[in-house]
Amino acid sequence: MIRSSQNREGFIRNPWSKENDGIHIDTFFKRIGQDAGKRCGCHYEIYERFCLDNLLDALYKLDTLNKSDAEYVRKEAVRHGYDLTLEGQQQTENAYNETMNEIRRQQE
């Protein structure tokens, strides 16, 4: 049975599933944060970068699966505090690089 995410409010096509199933937008963002949290240690800048990477990867997949879901995720991402502009991505990358450099200096 094919489940259409378009017919259910708050649901999008699941970008990580090989099946044609949906995922609630809150669960989508929770999963992005949980995955990033497993890899970041206690550094917010690293967490933020991993969240943004996961989000951009999911958006890339959604753009090929369902453009309306991708647009909905972009709007919700802004509401969740993500800056998806090129400038915002660069700021996140710079903060990540500064944190990684600081960690490396401390380990020397």
PDB file of N, CA and C in Angstrom:
ATOM      1  N   MET A   1       0.842  -1.173   0.000  1.00  0.00           N
ATOM      2  CA  MET A   1       0.000   0.000   0.000  1.00  0.00           C
ATOM      3  C   MET A   1       0.893   1.244   0.000  1.00  0.00           C
ATOM      4  N   ILE A   2       0.618   2.172  -0.857  1.00  0.00           N
ATOM      5  CA  ILE A   2       1.387   3.408  -0.953  1.00  0.00           C
ATOM      6  C   ILE A   2       0.710   4.469  -0.100  1.00  0.00           C
ATOM      7  N   ARG A   3       1.486   5.063   0.787  1.00  0.00           N
ATOM      8  CA  ARG A   3       0.961   6.134   1.639  1.00  0.00           C
ATOM      9  C   ARG A   3       1.419   7.460   1.076  1.00  0.00           C
ATOM     10  N   SER A   4       0.506   8.335   0.857  1.00  0.00           N
ATOM     11  CA  SER A   4       0.846   9.650   0.318  1.00  0.00           C
ATOM     12  C   SER A   4       0.985  10.654   1.448  1.00  0.00           C
ATOM     13  N   SER A   5       2.155  11.266   1.538  1.00  0.00           N
ATOM     14  CA  SER A   5       2.369  12.266   2.583  1.00  0.00           C
ATOM     15  C   SER A   5       1.610  13.548   2.286  1.00  0.00           C
ATOM     16  N   GLN A   6       1.212  13.755   1.043  1.00  0.00           N
ATOM     17  CA  GLN A   6       0.523  14.984   0.668  1.00  0.00           C
ATOM     18  C   GLN A   6      -0.879  15.063   1.263  1.00  0.00           C
ATOM     19  N   ASN A   7      -1.458  13.927   1.606  1.00  0.00           N
ATOM     20  CA  ASN A   7      -2.828  13.906   2.107  1.00  0.00           C
ATOM     21  C   ASN A   7      -2.904  14.000   3.627  1.00  0.00           C
ATOM     22  N   ARG A   8      -1.778  14.076   4.288  1.00  0.00           N
ATOM     23  CA  ARG A   8      -1.776  14.077   5.746  1.00  0.00           C
ATOM     24  C   ARG A   8      -1.020  15.297   6.244  1.00  0.00           C
ATOM     25  N   GLU A   9      -1.724  16.153   6.948  1.00  0.00           N
ATOM     26  CA  GLU A   9      -1.138  17.401   7.423  1.00  0.00           C
ATOM     27  C   GLU A   9       0.038  17.128   8.359  1.00  0.00           C
ATOM     28  N   GLY A  10       1.142  17.825   8.118  1.00  0.00           N
ATOM     29  CA  GLY A  10       2.325  17.687   8.954  1.00  0.00           C
ATOM     30  C   GLY A  10       3.240  16.554   8.553  1.00  0.00           C
ATOM     31  N   PHE A  11       2.860  15.789   7.543  1.00  0.00           N
ATOM     32  CA  PHE A  11       3.685  14.671   7.093  1.00  0.00           C
ATOM     33  C   PHE A  11       4.358  15.010   5.768  1.00  0.00           C
ATOM     34  N   ILE A  12       5.560  14.473   5.606  1.00  0.00           N
ATOM     35  CA  ILE A  12       6.309  14.613   4.358  1.00  0.00           C
ATOM     36  C   ILE A  12       6.766  13.232   3.923  1.00  0.00           C
ATOM     37  N   ARG A  13       7.238  13.155   2.734  1.00  0.00           N
ATOM     38  CA  ARG A  13       7.839  11.917   2.250  1.00  0.00           C
ATOM     39  C   ARG A  13       9.116  11.688   3.044  1.00  0.00           C
ATOM     40  N   ASN A  14       9.335  10.476   3.511  1.00  0.00           N
ATOM     41  CA  ASN A  14      10.515  10.160   4.309  1.00  0.00           C
ATOM     42  C   ASN A  14      11.735  10.060   3.393  1.00  0.00           C
ATOM     43  N   PRO A  15      12.674  11.005   3.498  1.00  0.00           N
ATOM     44  CA  PRO A  15      13.819  10.998   2.581  1.00  0.00           C
ATOM     45  C   PRO A  15      14.811   9.875   2.859  1.00  0.00           C
ATOM     46  N   TRP A  16      14.722   9.230   4.019  1.00  0.00           N
ATOM     47  CA  TRP A  16      15.666   8.173   4.371  1.00  0.00           C
ATOM     48  C   TRP A  16      15.120   6.782   4.090  1.00  0.00           C
ATOM     49  N   SER A  17      13.873   6.687   3.703  1.00  0.00           N
ATOM     50  CA  SER A  17      13.233   5.392   3.498  1.00  0.00           C
ATOM     51  C   SER A  17      13.298   4.970   2.036  1.00  0.00           C
ATOM     52  N   LYS A  18      13.464   3.678   1.836  1.00  0.00           N
ATOM     53  CA  LYS A  18      13.424   3.147   0.474  1.00  0.00           C
ATOM     54  C   LYS A  18      11.983   2.859   0.046  1.00  0.00           C
ATOM     55  N   GLU A  19      11.088   2.884   1.016  1.00  0.00           N
ATOM     56  CA  GLU A  19       9.669   2.684   0.739  1.00  0.00           C
ATOM     57  C   GLU A  19       9.030   4.048   0.499  1.00  0.00           C
ATOM     58  N   ASN A  20       7.813   4.043   0.056  1.00  0.00           N
ATOM     59  CA  ASN A  20       7.091   5.290  -0.199  1.00  0.00           C
ATOM     60  C   ASN A  20       6.268   5.667   1.030  1.00  0.00           C
ATOM     61  N   ASP A  21       6.954   5.842   2.170  1.00  0.00           N
ATOM     62  CA  ASP A  21       6.221   6.161   3.388  1.00  0.00           C
ATOM     63  C   ASP A  21       6.482   7.589   3.826  1.00  0.00           C
ATOM     64  N   GLY A  22       5.706   8.026   4.782  1.00  0.00           N
ATOM     65  CA  GLY A  22       5.807   9.396   5.261  1.00  0.00           C
ATOM     66  C   GLY A  22       6.410   9.470   6.648  1.00  0.00           C
ATOM     67  N   ILE A  23       6.763  10.681   7.033  1.00  0.00           N
ATOM     68  CA  ILE A  23       7.303  10.942   8.359  1.00  0.00           C
ATOM     69  C   ILE A  23       6.746  12.295   8.800  1.00  0.00           C
ATOM     70  N   HIS A  24       6.384  12.402  10.065  1.00  0.00           N
ATOM     71  CA  HIS A  24       5.877  13.678  10.564  1.00  0.00           C
ATOM     72  C   HIS A  24       7.032  14.668  10.637  1.00  0.00           C
ATOM     73  N   ILE A  25       6.751  15.923  10.356  1.00  0.00           N
ATOM     74  CA  ILE A  25       7.789  16.953  10.301  1.00  0.00           C
ATOM     75  C   ILE A  25       8.517  17.089  11.641  1.00  0.00           C
ATOM     76  N   ASP A  26       7.809  16.931  12.758  1.00  0.00           N
ATOM     77  CA  ASP A  26       8.465  17.006  14.069  1.00  0.00           C
ATOM     78  C   ASP A  26       9.440  15.848  14.259  1.00  0.00           C
ATOM     79  N   THR A  27       9.041  14.663  13.821  1.00  0.00           N
ATOM     80  CA  THR A  27       9.915  13.497  13.899  1.00  0.00           C
ATOM     81  C   THR A  27      11.116  13.669  12.982  1.00  0.00           C
ATOM     82  N   PHE A  28      10.896  14.260  11.827  1.00  0.00           N
ATOM     83  CA  PHE A  28      11.974  14.540  10.874  1.00  0.00           C
ATOM     84  C   PHE A  28      13.057  15.396  11.530  1.00  0.00           C
ATOM     85  N   PHE A  29      12.666  16.508  12.158  1.00  0.00           N
ATOM     86  CA  PHE A  29      13.653  17.390  12.789  1.00  0.00           C
ATOM     87  C   PHE A  29      14.265  16.752  14.037  1.00  0.00           C
ATOM     88  N   LYS A  30      13.478  15.968  14.758  1.00  0.00           N
ATOM     89  CA  LYS A  30      14.014  15.266  15.927  1.00  0.00           C
ATOM     90  C   LYS A  30      15.094  14.282  15.497  1.00  0.00           C
ATOM     91  N   ARG A  31      14.853  13.580  14.411  1.00  0.00           N
ATOM     92  CA  ARG A  31      15.834  12.611  13.915  1.00  0.00           C
ATOM     93  C   ARG A  31      17.117  13.309  13.466  1.00  0.00           C
ATOM     94  N   ILE A  32      16.989  14.450  12.814  1.00  0.00           N
ATOM     95  CA  ILE A  32      18.169  15.209  12.391  1.00  0.00           C
ATOM     96  C   ILE A  32      19.003  15.584  13.618  1.00  0.00           C
ATOM     97  N   GLY A  33      18.353  16.077  14.652  1.00  0.00           N
ATOM     98  CA  GLY A  33      19.058  16.468  15.865  1.00  0.00           C
ATOM     99  C   GLY A  33      19.672  15.292  16.601  1.00  0.00           C
ATOM    100  N   GLN A  34      18.957  14.182  16.670  1.00  0.00           N
ATOM    101  CA  GLN A  34      19.480  13.003  17.358  1.00  0.00           C
ATOM    102  C   GLN A  34      20.707  12.449  16.643  1.00  0.00           C
ATOM    103  N   ASP A  35      20.644  12.380  15.329  1.00  0.00           N
ATOM    104  CA  ASP A  35      21.784  11.871  14.565  1.00  0.00           C
ATOM    105  C   ASP A  35      23.003  12.774  14.757  1.00  0.00           C
ATOM    106  N   ALA A  36      22.790  14.075  14.702  1.00  0.00           N
ATOM    107  CA  ALA A  36      23.896  15.017  14.894  1.00  0.00           C
ATOM    108  C   ALA A  36      24.441  14.920  16.316  1.00  0.00           C
ATOM    109  N   GLY A  37      23.558  14.744  17.281  1.00  0.00           N
ATOM    110  CA  GLY A  37      23.974  14.652  18.673  1.00  0.00           C
ATOM    111  C   GLY A  37      24.860  13.460  18.960  1.00  0.00           C
ATOM    112  N   LYS A  38      24.702  12.393  18.210  1.00  0.00           N
ATOM    113  CA  LYS A  38      25.533  11.201  18.388  1.00  0.00           C
ATOM    114  C   LYS A  38      26.970  11.433  17.940  1.00  0.00           C
ATOM    115  N   ARG A  39      27.185  12.432  17.093  1.00  0.00           N
ATOM    116  CA  ARG A  39      28.501  12.620  16.488  1.00  0.00           C
ATOM    117  C   ARG A  39      29.220  13.885  16.936  1.00  0.00           C
ATOM    118  N   CYS A  40      28.616  14.717  17.764  1.00  0.00           N
ATOM    119  CA  CYS A  40      29.182  16.052  17.983  1.00  0.00           C
ATOM    120  C   CYS A  40      29.942  16.225  19.277  1.00  0.00           C
ATOM    121  N   GLY A  41      29.809  15.325  20.230  1.00  0.00           N
ATOM    122  CA  GLY A  41      30.404  15.592  21.530  1.00  0.00           C
ATOM    123  C   GLY A  41      29.614  16.689  22.220  1.00  0.00           C
ATOM    124  N   CYS A  42      30.285  17.574  22.900  1.00  0.00           N
ATOM    125  CA  CYS A  42      29.605  18.641  23.652  1.00  0.00           C
ATOM    126  C   CYS A  42      29.796  20.005  23.014  1.00  0.00           C
ATOM    127  N   HIS A  43      30.009  20.051  21.744  1.00  0.00           N
ATOM    128  CA  HIS A  43      30.287  21.314  21.063  1.00  0.00           C
ATOM    129  C   HIS A  43      29.112  21.700  20.172  1.00  0.00           C
ATOM    130  N   TYR A  44      28.484  22.828  20.501  1.00  0.00           N
ATOM    131  CA  TYR A  44      27.313  23.268  19.758  1.00  0.00           C
ATOM    132  C   TYR A  44      27.625  23.514  18.284  1.00  0.00           C
ATOM    133  N   GLU A  45      28.785  24.096  17.988  1.00  0.00           N
ATOM    134  CA  GLU A  45      29.137  24.417  16.601  1.00  0.00           C
ATOM    135  C   GLU A  45      29.248  23.161  15.744  1.00  0.00           C
ATOM    136  N   ILE A  46      29.740  22.089  16.340  1.00  0.00           N
ATOM    137  CA  ILE A  46      29.836  20.815  15.615  1.00  0.00           C
ATOM    138  C   ILE A  46      28.438  20.237  15.430  1.00  0.00           C
ATOM    139  N   TYR A  47      27.636  20.282  16.490  1.00  0.00           N
ATOM    140  CA  TYR A  47      26.249  19.816  16.417  1.00  0.00           C
ATOM    141  C   TYR A  47      25.480  20.564  15.328  1.00  0.00           C
ATOM    142  N   GLU A  48      25.615  21.891  15.324  1.00  0.00           N
ATOM    143  CA  GLU A  48      24.907  22.715  14.343  1.00  0.00           C
ATOM    144  C   GLU A  48      25.317  22.353  12.915  1.00  0.00           C
ATOM    145  N   ARG A  49      26.602  22.137  12.706  1.00  0.00           N
ATOM    146  CA  ARG A  49      27.090  21.771  11.367  1.00  0.00           C
ATOM    147  C   ARG A  49      26.528  20.427  10.938  1.00  0.00           C
ATOM    148  N   PHE A  50      26.541  19.443  11.841  1.00  0.00           N
ATOM    149  CA  PHE A  50      26.009  18.128  11.490  1.00  0.00           C
ATOM    150  C   PHE A  50      24.504  18.194  11.227  1.00  0.00           C
ATOM    151  N   CYS A  51      23.784  18.985  12.014  1.00  0.00           N
ATOM    152  CA  CYS A  51      22.346  19.166  11.756  1.00  0.00           C
ATOM    153  C   CYS A  51      22.126  19.756  10.371  1.00  0.00           C
ATOM    154  N   LEU A  52      22.872  20.795  10.054  1.00  0.00           N
ATOM    155  CA  LEU A  52      22.721  21.447   8.757  1.00  0.00           C
ATOM    156  C   LEU A  52      23.085  20.490   7.622  1.00  0.00           C
ATOM    157  N   ASP A  53      24.157  19.716   7.794  1.00  0.00           N
ATOM    158  CA  ASP A  53      24.535  18.732   6.774  1.00  0.00           C
ATOM    159  C   ASP A  53      23.421  17.712   6.558  1.00  0.00           C
ATOM    160  N   ASN A  54      22.867  17.191   7.661  1.00  0.00           N
ATOM    161  CA  ASN A  54      21.770  16.219   7.563  1.00  0.00           C
ATOM    162  C   ASN A  54      20.552  16.834   6.884  1.00  0.00           C
ATOM    163  N   LEU A  55      20.245  18.066   7.245  1.00  0.00           N
ATOM    164  CA  LEU A  55      19.093  18.757   6.676  1.00  0.00           C
ATOM    165  C   LEU A  55      19.274  18.989   5.180  1.00  0.00           C
ATOM    166  N   LEU A  56      20.439  19.460   4.784  1.00  0.00           N
ATOM    167  CA  LEU A  56      20.694  19.714   3.358  1.00  0.00           C
ATOM    168  C   LEU A  56      20.681  18.419   2.551  1.00  0.00           C
ATOM    169  N   ASP A  57      21.212  17.345   3.138  1.00  0.00           N
ATOM    170  CA  ASP A  57      21.177  16.045   2.462  1.00  0.00           C
ATOM    171  C   ASP A  57      19.731  15.575   2.273  1.00  0.00           C
ATOM    172  N   ALA A  58      18.915  15.714   3.307  1.00  0.00           N
ATOM    173  CA  ALA A  58      17.504  15.321   3.214  1.00  0.00           C
ATOM    174  C   ALA A  58      16.765  16.189   2.203  1.00  0.00           C
ATOM    175  N   LEU A  59      17.062  17.484   2.181  1.00  0.00           N
ATOM    176  CA  LEU A  59      16.420  18.375   1.207  1.00  0.00           C
ATOM    177  C   LEU A  59      16.799  18.004  -0.218  1.00  0.00           C
ATOM    178  N   TYR A  60      18.038  17.622  -0.430  1.00  0.00           N
ATOM    179  CA  TYR A  60      18.472  17.190  -1.761  1.00  0.00           C
ATOM    180  C   TYR A  60      17.653  15.977  -2.211  1.00  0.00           C
ATOM    181  N   LYS A  61      17.481  15.020  -1.304  1.00  0.00           N
ATOM    182  CA  LYS A  61      16.687  13.830  -1.630  1.00  0.00           C
ATOM    183  C   LYS A  61      15.224  14.197  -1.871  1.00  0.00           C
ATOM    184  N   LEU A  62      14.686  15.074  -1.018  1.00  0.00           N
ATOM    185  CA  LEU A  62      13.283  15.468  -1.168  1.00  0.00           C
ATOM    186  C   LEU A  62      13.041  16.238  -2.457  1.00  0.00           C
ATOM    187  N   ASP A  63      14.021  17.024  -2.885  1.00  0.00           N
ATOM    188  CA  ASP A  63      13.869  17.760  -4.148  1.00  0.00           C
ATOM    189  C   ASP A  63      13.633  16.809  -5.313  1.00  0.00           C
ATOM    190  N   THR A  64      14.208  15.606  -5.240  1.00  0.00           N
ATOM    191  CA  THR A  64      13.998  14.631  -6.313  1.00  0.00           C
ATOM    192  C   THR A  64      12.738  13.799  -6.084  1.00  0.00           C
ATOM    193  N   LEU A  65      12.300  13.667  -4.825  1.00  0.00           N
ATOM    194  CA  LEU A  65      11.130  12.842  -4.519  1.00  0.00           C
ATOM    195  C   LEU A  65       9.823  13.627  -4.570  1.00  0.00           C
ATOM    196  N   ASN A  66       9.827  14.812  -3.962  1.00  0.00           N
ATOM    197  CA  ASN A  66       8.586  15.569  -3.831  1.00  0.00           C
ATOM    198  C   ASN A  66       8.924  17.029  -3.534  1.00  0.00           C
ATOM    199  N   LYS A  67       8.862  17.864  -4.535  1.00  0.00           N
ATOM    200  CA  LYS A  67       9.267  19.272  -4.398  1.00  0.00           C
ATOM    201  C   LYS A  67       8.409  20.037  -3.391  1.00  0.00           C
ATOM    202  N   SER A  68       7.129  19.718  -3.296  1.00  0.00           N
ATOM    203  CA  SER A  68       6.283  20.438  -2.330  1.00  0.00           C
ATOM    204  C   SER A  68       6.683  20.085  -0.895  1.00  0.00           C
ATOM    205  N   ASP A  69       7.068  18.832  -0.660  1.00  0.00           N
ATOM    206  CA  ASP A  69       7.572  18.454   0.662  1.00  0.00           C
ATOM    207  C   ASP A  69       8.883  19.171   0.958  1.00  0.00           C
ATOM    208  N   ALA A  70       9.745  19.280  -0.037  1.00  0.00           N
ATOM    209  CA  ALA A  70      11.027  19.972   0.147  1.00  0.00           C
ATOM    210  C   ALA A  70      10.797  21.431   0.523  1.00  0.00           C
ATOM    211  N   GLU A  71       9.849  22.073  -0.121  1.00  0.00           N
ATOM    212  CA  GLU A  71       9.553  23.476   0.190  1.00  0.00           C
ATOM    213  C   GLU A  71       8.977  23.609   1.607  1.00  0.00           C
ATOM    214  N   TYR A  72       8.127  22.678   1.984  1.00  0.00           N
ATOM    215  CA  TYR A  72       7.562  22.677   3.338  1.00  0.00           C
ATOM    216  C   TYR A  72       8.677  22.525   4.378  1.00  0.00           C
ATOM    217  N   VAL A  73       9.634  21.627   4.116  1.00  0.00           N
ATOM    218  CA  VAL A  73      10.755  21.424   5.036  1.00  0.00           C
ATOM    219  C   VAL A  73      11.601  22.691   5.123  1.00  0.00           C
ATOM    220  N   ARG A  74      11.822  23.362   4.004  1.00  0.00           N
ATOM    221  CA  ARG A  74      12.593  24.619   4.028  1.00  0.00           C
ATOM    222  C   ARG A  74      11.919  25.660   4.935  1.00  0.00           C
ATOM    223  N   LYS A  75      10.605  25.779   4.820  1.00  0.00           N
ATOM    224  CA  LYS A  75       9.870  26.733   5.665  1.00  0.00           C
ATOM    225  C   LYS A  75       9.952  26.338   7.140  1.00  0.00           C
ATOM    226  N   GLU A  76       9.809  25.062   7.409  1.00  0.00           N
ATOM    227  CA  GLU A  76       9.892  24.586   8.787  1.00  0.00           C
ATOM    228  C   GLU A  76      11.316  24.720   9.327  1.00  0.00           C
ATOM    229  N   ALA A  77      12.309  24.555   8.479  1.00  0.00           N
ATOM    230  CA  ALA A  77      13.708  24.697   8.905  1.00  0.00           C
ATOM    231  C   ALA A  77      13.972  26.117   9.390  1.00  0.00           C
ATOM    232  N   VAL A  78      13.448  27.083   8.672  1.00  0.00           N
ATOM    233  CA  VAL A  78      13.603  28.482   9.089  1.00  0.00           C
ATOM    234  C   VAL A  78      12.913  28.691  10.433  1.00  0.00           C
ATOM    235  N   ARG A  79      11.738  28.109  10.584  1.00  0.00           N
ATOM    236  CA  ARG A  79      11.005  28.214  11.847  1.00  0.00           C
ATOM    237  C   ARG A  79      11.785  27.564  12.997  1.00  0.00           C
ATOM    238  N   HIS A  80      12.559  26.524  12.687  1.00  0.00           N
ATOM    239  CA  HIS A  80      13.383  25.847  13.692  1.00  0.00           C
ATOM    240  C   HIS A  80      14.734  26.533  13.895  1.00  0.00           C
ATOM    241  N   GLY A  81      14.979  27.622  13.195  1.00  0.00           N
ATOM    242  CA  GLY A  81      16.200  28.391  13.419  1.00  0.00           C
ATOM    243  C   GLY A  81      17.348  28.104  12.479  1.00  0.00           C
ATOM    244  N   TYR A  82      17.126  27.317  11.450  1.00  0.00           N
ATOM    245  CA  TYR A  82      18.187  27.022  10.484  1.00  0.00           C
ATOM    246  C   TYR A  82      18.245  28.120   9.430  1.00  0.00           C
ATOM    247  N   ASP A  83      19.444  28.553   9.116  1.00  0.00           N
ATOM    248  CA  ASP A  83      19.660  29.537   8.058  1.00  0.00           C
ATOM    249  C   ASP A  83      20.195  28.780   6.849  1.00  0.00           C
ATOM    250  N   LEU A  84      19.353  28.571   5.862  1.00  0.00           N
ATOM    251  CA  LEU A  84      19.721  27.765   4.697  1.00  0.00           C
ATOM    252  C   LEU A  84      20.343  28.583   3.576  1.00  0.00           C
ATOM    253  N   THR A  85      20.499  29.891   3.802  1.00  0.00           N
ATOM    254  CA  THR A  85      21.134  30.714   2.776  1.00  0.00           C
ATOM    255  C   THR A  85      22.603  30.326   2.676  1.00  0.00           C
ATOM    256  N   LEU A  86      23.223  30.698   1.571  1.00  0.00           N
ATOM    257  CA  LEU A  86      24.645  30.424   1.395  1.00  0.00           C
ATOM    258  C   LEU A  86      25.462  31.089   2.503  1.00  0.00           C
ATOM    259  N   GLU A  87      25.074  32.304   2.862  1.00  0.00           N
ATOM    260  CA  GLU A  87      25.771  33.025   3.936  1.00  0.00           C
ATOM    261  C   GLU A  87      25.620  32.293   5.272  1.00  0.00           C
ATOM    262  N   GLY A  88      24.423  31.822   5.553  1.00  0.00           N
ATOM    263  CA  GLY A  88      24.184  31.076   6.789  1.00  0.00           C
ATOM    264  C   GLY A  88      24.970  29.784   6.838  1.00  0.00           C
ATOM    265  N   GLN A  89      25.030  29.099   5.709  1.00  0.00           N
ATOM    266  CA  GLN A  89      25.811  27.867   5.639  1.00  0.00           C
ATOM    267  C   GLN A  89      27.291  28.153   5.866  1.00  0.00           C
ATOM    268  N   GLN A  90      27.777  29.254   5.304  1.00  0.00           N
ATOM    269  CA  GLN A  90      29.182  29.623   5.467  1.00  0.00           C
ATOM    270  C   GLN A  90      29.484  29.989   6.918  1.00  0.00           C
ATOM    271  N   GLN A  91      28.575  30.680   7.580  1.00  0.00           N
ATOM    272  CA  GLN A  91      28.766  31.024   8.992  1.00  0.00           C
ATOM    273  C   GLN A  91      28.842  29.764   9.849  1.00  0.00           C
ATOM    274  N   THR A  92      27.977  28.810   9.564  1.00  0.00           N
ATOM    275  CA  THR A  92      27.998  27.546  10.288  1.00  0.00           C
ATOM    276  C   THR A  92      29.313  26.822  10.047  1.00  0.00           C
ATOM    277  N   GLU A  93      29.757  26.798   8.802  1.00  0.00           N
ATOM    278  CA  GLU A  93      31.023  26.147   8.454  1.00  0.00           C
ATOM    279  C   GLU A  93      32.202  26.834   9.148  1.00  0.00           C
ATOM    280  N   ASN A  94      32.214  28.158   9.173  1.00  0.00           N
ATOM    281  CA  ASN A  94      33.297  28.897   9.833  1.00  0.00           C
ATOM    282  C   ASN A  94      33.337  28.609  11.332  1.00  0.00           C
ATOM    283  N   ALA A  95      32.175  28.602  11.975  1.00  0.00           N
ATOM    284  CA  ALA A  95      32.116  28.306  13.410  1.00  0.00           C
ATOM    285  C   ALA A  95      32.605  26.887  13.682  1.00  0.00           C
ATOM    286  N   TYR A  96      32.225  25.951  12.828  1.00  0.00           N
ATOM    287  CA  TYR A  96      32.678  24.566  12.954  1.00  0.00           C
ATOM    288  C   TYR A  96      34.199  24.491  12.824  1.00  0.00           C
ATOM    289  N   ASN A  97      34.749  25.144  11.806  1.00  0.00           N
ATOM    290  CA  ASN A  97      36.199  25.116  11.587  1.00  0.00           C
ATOM    291  C   ASN A  97      36.959  25.738  12.754  1.00  0.00           C
ATOM    292  N   GLU A  98      36.463  26.846  13.282  1.00  0.00           N
ATOM    293  CA  GLU A  98      37.103  27.480  14.438  1.00  0.00           C
ATOM    294  C   GLU A  98      37.100  26.543  15.644  1.00  0.00           C
ATOM    295  N   THR A  99      35.983  25.879  15.878  1.00  0.00           N
ATOM    296  CA  THR A  99      35.885  24.945  17.002  1.00  0.00           C
ATOM    297  C   THR A  99      36.833  23.773  16.814  1.00  0.00           C
ATOM    298  N   MET A 100      36.887  23.224  15.615  1.00  0.00           N
ATOM    299  CA  MET A 100      37.790  22.101  15.351  1.00  0.00           C
ATOM    300  C   MET A 100      39.247  22.520  15.516  1.00  0.00           C
ATOM    301  N   ASN A 101      39.594  23.713  15.061  1.00  0.00           N
ATOM    302  CA  ASN A 101      40.963  24.208  15.234  1.00  0.00           C
ATOM    303  C   ASN A 101      41.302  24.379  16.710  1.00  0.00           C
ATOM    304  N   GLU A 102      40.355  24.879  17.486  1.00  0.00           N
ATOM    305  CA  GLU A 102      40.563  25.039  18.922  1.00  0.00           C
ATOM    306  C   GLU A 102      40.769  23.685  19.594  1.00  0.00           C
ATOM    307  N   ILE A 103      39.980  22.702  19.211  1.00  0.00           N
ATOM    308  CA  ILE A 103      40.122  21.352  19.769  1.00  0.00           C
ATOM    309  C   ILE A 103      41.497  20.792  19.422  1.00  0.00           C
ATOM    310  N   ARG A 104      41.923  20.966  18.185  1.00  0.00           N
ATOM    311  CA  ARG A 104      43.249  20.475  17.777  1.00  0.00           C
ATOM    312  C   ARG A 104      44.365  21.142  18.576  1.00  0.00           C
ATOM    313  N   ARG A 105      44.257  22.458  18.781  1.00  0.00           N
ATOM    314  CA  ARG A 105      45.278  23.183  19.562  1.00  0.00           C
ATOM    315  C   ARG A 105      45.336  22.655  20.996  1.00  0.00           C
ATOM    316  N   GLN A 106      44.183  22.359  21.567  1.00  0.00           N
ATOM    317  CA  GLN A 106      44.143  21.857  22.940  1.00  0.00           C
ATOM    318  C   GLN A 106      44.752  20.466  23.053  1.00  0.00           C
ATOM    319  N   GLN A 107      44.713  19.713  21.973  1.00  0.00           N
ATOM    320  CA  GLN A 107      45.227  18.344  22.005  1.00  0.00           C
ATOM    321  C   GLN A 107      46.724  18.261  21.718  1.00  0.00           C
ATOM    322  N   GLU A 108      47.316  19.366  21.326  1.00  0.00           N
ATOM    323  CA  GLU A 108      48.755  19.361  21.017  1.00  0.00           C
ATOM    324  C   GLU A 108      49.587  19.367  22.270  1.00  0.00           C
TER     325      GLU A 108
END
